Amino acid sequence: MEKRLQMLFIKGKLENQLCELPSNALAIEGQVKEKSKGFISLRDLTSKLKTMKMEHMRLLEVAEAYKKYVADISYLGLIIRSKSKKTLLHDESQDKFQKELYNNVLELRGNIRVFCQCRPLISEEIKGGAAMVLDFDWISKEDF
């Protein structure tokens, strides 16, 4: 009898475990689905990370190329500025030299310079009520 009671006890215990088995199976199945979703999202994130790393490397190469272009453009700017300064200095010195030569020619001819020119009044000036016209704008201050 005792063995029978033990058998009945074990049978009841097994039946309880058998009843709990579908609920446990559902819980485990839910956990498996949840973990598989996590693995899928992890796989997606891993592929996105690889794509982003490749894009990052490409952008680094582009940035390096732009740095080289900027350095080249800066260098060309320096060259242009120095050339323009030299040209400007050359033009100023050449203008000064030409002015000196012109003054020397005038002195050799006898230092005759025109400070005033006379002309008849234009009809528009007469209509405007002008009696005479004086224009000294074309004479530079150095000539005086």
C-alpha atoms as a PDB file:
ATOM      1  CA  MET A   1       0.000   0.000   0.000  1.00  0.00           C
ATOM      2  CA  GLU A   2       2.744   2.323   0.751  1.00  0.00           C
ATOM      3  CA  LYS A   3       4.176   1.778  -2.668  1.00  0.00           C
ATOM      4  CA  ARG A   4       0.820   2.499  -4.132  1.00  0.00           C
ATOM      5  CA  LEU A   5       0.605   5.752  -2.211  1.00  0.00           C
ATOM      6  CA  GLN A   6       4.021   6.683  -3.396  1.00  0.00           C
ATOM      7  CA  MET A   7       3.009   5.841  -6.939  1.00  0.00           C
ATOM      8  CA  LEU A   8      -0.137   7.928  -6.608  1.00  0.00           C
ATOM      9  CA  PHE A   9       1.878  10.772  -5.153  1.00  0.00           C
ATOM     10  CA  ILE A  10       4.394  10.589  -7.975  1.00  0.00           C
ATOM     11  CA  LYS A  11       1.545  10.309 -10.486  1.00  0.00           C
ATOM     12  CA  GLY A  12      -0.120  13.446  -9.049  1.00  0.00           C
ATOM     13  CA  LYS A  13       3.154  15.271  -9.090  1.00  0.00           C
ATOM     14  CA  LEU A  14       3.755  14.273 -12.711  1.00  0.00           C
ATOM     15  CA  GLU A  15       0.217  15.291 -13.670  1.00  0.00           C
ATOM     16  CA  ASN A  16       0.788  18.725 -12.070  1.00  0.00           C
ATOM     17  CA  GLN A  17       4.013  19.102 -13.949  1.00  0.00           C
ATOM     18  CA  LEU A  18       2.243  17.962 -17.118  1.00  0.00           C
ATOM     19  CA  CYS A  19      -0.434  20.616 -16.575  1.00  0.00           C
ATOM     20  CA  GLU A  20       2.200  23.259 -15.999  1.00  0.00           C
ATOM     21  CA  LEU A  21       4.130  22.161 -19.096  1.00  0.00           C
ATOM     22  CA  PRO A  22       1.988  24.032 -21.696  1.00  0.00           C
ATOM     23  CA  SER A  23       2.157  27.257 -19.706  1.00  0.00           C
ATOM     24  CA  ASN A  24       5.886  26.806 -19.260  1.00  0.00           C
ATOM     25  CA  ALA A  25       6.191  26.035 -22.966  1.00  0.00           C
ATOM     26  CA  LEU A  26       4.288  29.248 -23.796  1.00  0.00           C
ATOM     27  CA  ALA A  27       6.509  31.259 -21.490  1.00  0.00           C
ATOM     28  CA  ILE A  28       9.633  29.761 -23.025  1.00  0.00           C
ATOM     29  CA  GLU A  29       8.233  30.311 -26.520  1.00  0.00           C
ATOM     30  CA  GLY A  30       7.586  33.976 -25.638  1.00  0.00           C
ATOM     31  CA  GLN A  31      11.115  34.335 -24.337  1.00  0.00           C
ATOM     32  CA  VAL A  32      12.496  32.703 -27.505  1.00  0.00           C
ATOM     33  CA  LYS A  33      10.471  35.105 -29.708  1.00  0.00           C
ATOM     34  CA  GLU A  34      11.623  38.061 -27.645  1.00  0.00           C
ATOM     35  CA  LYS A  35      15.254  36.994 -27.853  1.00  0.00           C
ATOM     36  CA  SER A  36      14.991  36.305 -31.590  1.00  0.00           C
ATOM     37  CA  LYS A  37      13.625  39.841 -32.079  1.00  0.00           C
ATOM     38  CA  GLY A  38      16.596  41.100 -30.099  1.00  0.00           C
ATOM     39  CA  PHE A  39      18.972  39.091 -32.291  1.00  0.00           C
ATOM     40  CA  ILE A  40      17.294  40.382 -35.452  1.00  0.00           C
ATOM     41  CA  SER A  41      17.566  43.977 -34.268  1.00  0.00           C
ATOM     42  CA  LEU A  42      21.168  43.304 -33.203  1.00  0.00           C
ATOM     43  CA  ARG A  43      21.920  41.954 -36.694  1.00  0.00           C
ATOM     44  CA  ASP A  44      20.274  45.044 -38.258  1.00  0.00           C
ATOM     45  CA  LEU A  45      22.252  47.343 -35.996  1.00  0.00           C
ATOM     46  CA  THR A  46      25.460  45.485 -36.832  1.00  0.00           C
ATOM     47  CA  SER A  47      24.887  45.903 -40.568  1.00  0.00           C
ATOM     48  CA  LYS A  48      23.992  49.578 -40.072  1.00  0.00           C
ATOM     49  CA  LEU A  49      27.168  50.043 -38.052  1.00  0.00           C
ATOM     50  CA  LYS A  50      29.247  48.484 -40.846  1.00  0.00           C
ATOM     51  CA  THR A  51      27.564  50.776 -43.380  1.00  0.00           C
ATOM     52  CA  MET A  52      28.195  53.812 -41.191  1.00  0.00           C
ATOM     53  CA  LYS A  53      31.859  52.855 -40.756  1.00  0.00           C
ATOM     54  CA  MET A  54      32.282  52.570 -44.528  1.00  0.00           C
ATOM     55  CA  GLU A  55      30.553  55.931 -45.023  1.00  0.00           C
ATOM     56  CA  HIS A  56      32.769  57.439 -42.324  1.00  0.00           C
ATOM     57  CA  MET A  57      35.900  56.200 -44.091  1.00  0.00           C
ATOM     58  CA  ARG A  58      34.670  57.626 -47.399  1.00  0.00           C
ATOM     59  CA  LEU A  59      33.916  60.979 -45.764  1.00  0.00           C
ATOM     60  CA  LEU A  60      37.375  61.035 -44.170  1.00  0.00           C
ATOM     61  CA  GLU A  61      38.922  60.579 -47.616  1.00  0.00           C
ATOM     62  CA  VAL A  62      36.763  63.388 -49.019  1.00  0.00           C
ATOM     63  CA  ALA A  63      37.700  65.652 -46.094  1.00  0.00           C
ATOM     64  CA  GLU A  64      41.407  64.973 -46.676  1.00  0.00           C
ATOM     65  CA  ALA A  65      41.006  65.825 -50.357  1.00  0.00           C
ATOM     66  CA  TYR A  66      39.256  69.085 -49.431  1.00  0.00           C
ATOM     67  CA  LYS A  67      42.033  69.934 -46.982  1.00  0.00           C
ATOM     68  CA  LYS A  68      44.543  69.542 -49.805  1.00  0.00           C
ATOM     69  CA  TYR A  69      42.401  71.740 -52.076  1.00  0.00           C
ATOM     70  CA  VAL A  70      42.136  74.426 -49.398  1.00  0.00           C
ATOM     71  CA  ALA A  71      45.894  74.372 -48.855  1.00  0.00           C
ATOM     72  CA  ASP A  72      46.491  74.655 -52.606  1.00  0.00           C
ATOM     73  CA  ILE A  73      44.019  77.527 -52.914  1.00  0.00           C
ATOM     74  CA  SER A  74      45.609  79.331 -49.964  1.00  0.00           C
ATOM     75  CA  TYR A  75      49.034  78.921 -51.551  1.00  0.00           C
ATOM     76  CA  LEU A  76      47.742  80.250 -54.872  1.00  0.00           C
ATOM     77  CA  GLY A  77      46.157  83.181 -53.042  1.00  0.00           C
ATOM     78  CA  LEU A  78      49.518  84.023 -51.462  1.00  0.00           C
ATOM     79  CA  ILE A  79      51.221  83.868 -54.836  1.00  0.00           C
ATOM     80  CA  ILE A  80      48.574  86.092 -56.426  1.00  0.00           C
ATOM     81  CA  ARG A  81      48.774  88.614 -53.589  1.00  0.00           C
ATOM     82  CA  SER A  82      52.561  88.804 -53.770  1.00  0.00           C
ATOM     83  CA  LYS A  83      52.467  89.159 -57.563  1.00  0.00           C
ATOM     84  CA  SER A  84      49.805  91.880 -57.359  1.00  0.00           C
ATOM     85  CA  LYS A  85      51.868  93.773 -54.746  1.00  0.00           C
ATOM     86  CA  LYS A  86      54.971  93.526 -56.931  1.00  0.00           C
ATOM     87  CA  THR A  87      52.967  94.671 -59.960  1.00  0.00           C
ATOM     88  CA  LEU A  88      51.448  97.541 -57.998  1.00  0.00           C
ATOM     89  CA  LEU A  89      54.880  98.626 -56.728  1.00  0.00           C
ATOM     90  CA  HIS A  90      56.267  98.284 -60.234  1.00  0.00           C
ATOM     91  CA  ASP A  91      53.405 100.348 -61.703  1.00  0.00           C
ATOM     92  CA  GLU A  92      53.850 103.077 -59.083  1.00  0.00           C
ATOM     93  CA  SER A  93      57.609 103.244 -59.610  1.00  0.00           C
ATOM     94  CA  GLN A  94      57.143 103.212 -63.372  1.00  0.00           C
ATOM     95  CA  ASP A  95      54.584 106.042 -63.159  1.00  0.00           C
ATOM     96  CA  LYS A  96      57.022 108.025 -61.032  1.00  0.00           C
ATOM     97  CA  PHE A  97      59.835 107.339 -63.494  1.00  0.00           C
ATOM     98  CA  GLN A  98      57.679 108.391 -66.465  1.00  0.00           C
ATOM     99  CA  LYS A  99      56.690 111.584 -64.661  1.00  0.00           C
ATOM    100  CA  GLU A 100      60.353 112.377 -63.976  1.00  0.00           C
ATOM    101  CA  LEU A 101      61.211 111.773 -67.622  1.00  0.00           C
ATOM    102  CA  TYR A 102      58.335 113.986 -68.753  1.00  0.00           C
ATOM    103  CA  ASN A 103      59.450 116.784 -66.407  1.00  0.00           C
ATOM    104  CA  ASN A 104      63.030 116.445 -67.732  1.00  0.00           C
ATOM    105  CA  VAL A 105      61.768 116.731 -71.308  1.00  0.00           C
ATOM    106  CA  LEU A 106      59.771 119.839 -70.386  1.00  0.00           C
ATOM    107  CA  GLU A 107      62.805 121.399 -68.728  1.00  0.00           C
ATOM    108  CA  LEU A 108      64.960 120.645 -71.768  1.00  0.00           C
ATOM    109  CA  ARG A 109      62.397 122.337 -74.045  1.00  0.00           C
ATOM    110  CA  GLY A 110      62.410 125.459 -71.950  1.00  0.00           C
ATOM    111  CA  ASN A 111      60.069 124.888 -69.045  1.00  0.00           C
ATOM    112  CA  ILE A 112      57.001 126.111 -70.868  1.00  0.00           C
ATOM    113  CA  ARG A 113      53.882 124.826 -69.176  1.00  0.00           C
ATOM    114  CA  VAL A 114      50.278 125.661 -69.841  1.00  0.00           C
ATOM    115  CA  PHE A 115      48.351 126.670 -66.756  1.00  0.00           C
ATOM    116  CA  CYS A 116      45.310 128.164 -68.432  1.00  0.00           C
ATOM    117  CA  GLN A 117      43.494 127.679 -71.707  1.00  0.00           C
ATOM    118  CA  CYS A 118      41.022 130.143 -73.274  1.00  0.00           C
ATOM    119  CA  ARG A 119      38.094 129.196 -75.457  1.00  0.00           C
ATOM    120  CA  PRO A 120      34.846 130.814 -76.493  1.00  0.00           C
ATOM    121  CA  LEU A 121      31.725 130.098 -74.444  1.00  0.00           C
ATOM    122  CA  ILE A 122      29.471 127.276 -75.580  1.00  0.00           C
ATOM    123  CA  SER A 123      25.830 128.160 -76.305  1.00  0.00           C
ATOM    124  CA  GLU A 124      24.677 126.110 -73.303  1.00  0.00           C
ATOM    125  CA  GLU A 125      26.983 128.130 -71.046  1.00  0.00           C
ATOM    126  CA  ILE A 126      25.641 131.395 -72.504  1.00  0.00           C
ATOM    127  CA  LYS A 127      22.062 130.191 -71.911  1.00  0.00           C
ATOM    128  CA  GLY A 128      23.039 129.368 -68.342  1.00  0.00           C
ATOM    129  CA  GLY A 129      24.148 132.986 -67.835  1.00  0.00           C
ATOM    130  CA  ALA A 130      27.913 132.362 -67.658  1.00  0.00           C
ATOM    131  CA  ALA A 131      30.216 135.275 -68.532  1.00  0.00           C
ATOM    132  CA  MET A 132      33.482 133.268 -68.496  1.00  0.00           C
ATOM    133  CA  VAL A 133      34.767 129.740 -67.951  1.00  0.00           C
ATOM    134  CA  LEU A 134      37.717 128.782 -65.756  1.00  0.00           C
ATOM    135  CA  ASP A 135      38.829 125.195 -65.410  1.00  0.00           C
ATOM    136  CA  PHE A 136      41.866 124.259 -63.323  1.00  0.00           C
ATOM    137  CA  ASP A 137      40.868 120.638 -62.597  1.00  0.00           C
ATOM    138  CA  TRP A 138      43.243 119.173 -65.170  1.00  0.00           C
ATOM    139  CA  ILE A 139      46.288 120.856 -63.589  1.00  0.00           C
ATOM    140  CA  SER A 140      47.929 118.792 -60.855  1.00  0.00           C
ATOM    141  CA  LYS A 141      49.136 120.341 -57.623  1.00  0.00           C
ATOM    142  CA  GLU A 142      52.717 119.282 -58.424  1.00  0.00           C
ATOM    143  CA  ASP A 143      52.739 121.604 -61.451  1.00  0.00           C
ATOM    144  CA  PHE A 144      52.456 124.702 -59.215  1.00  0.00           C
END
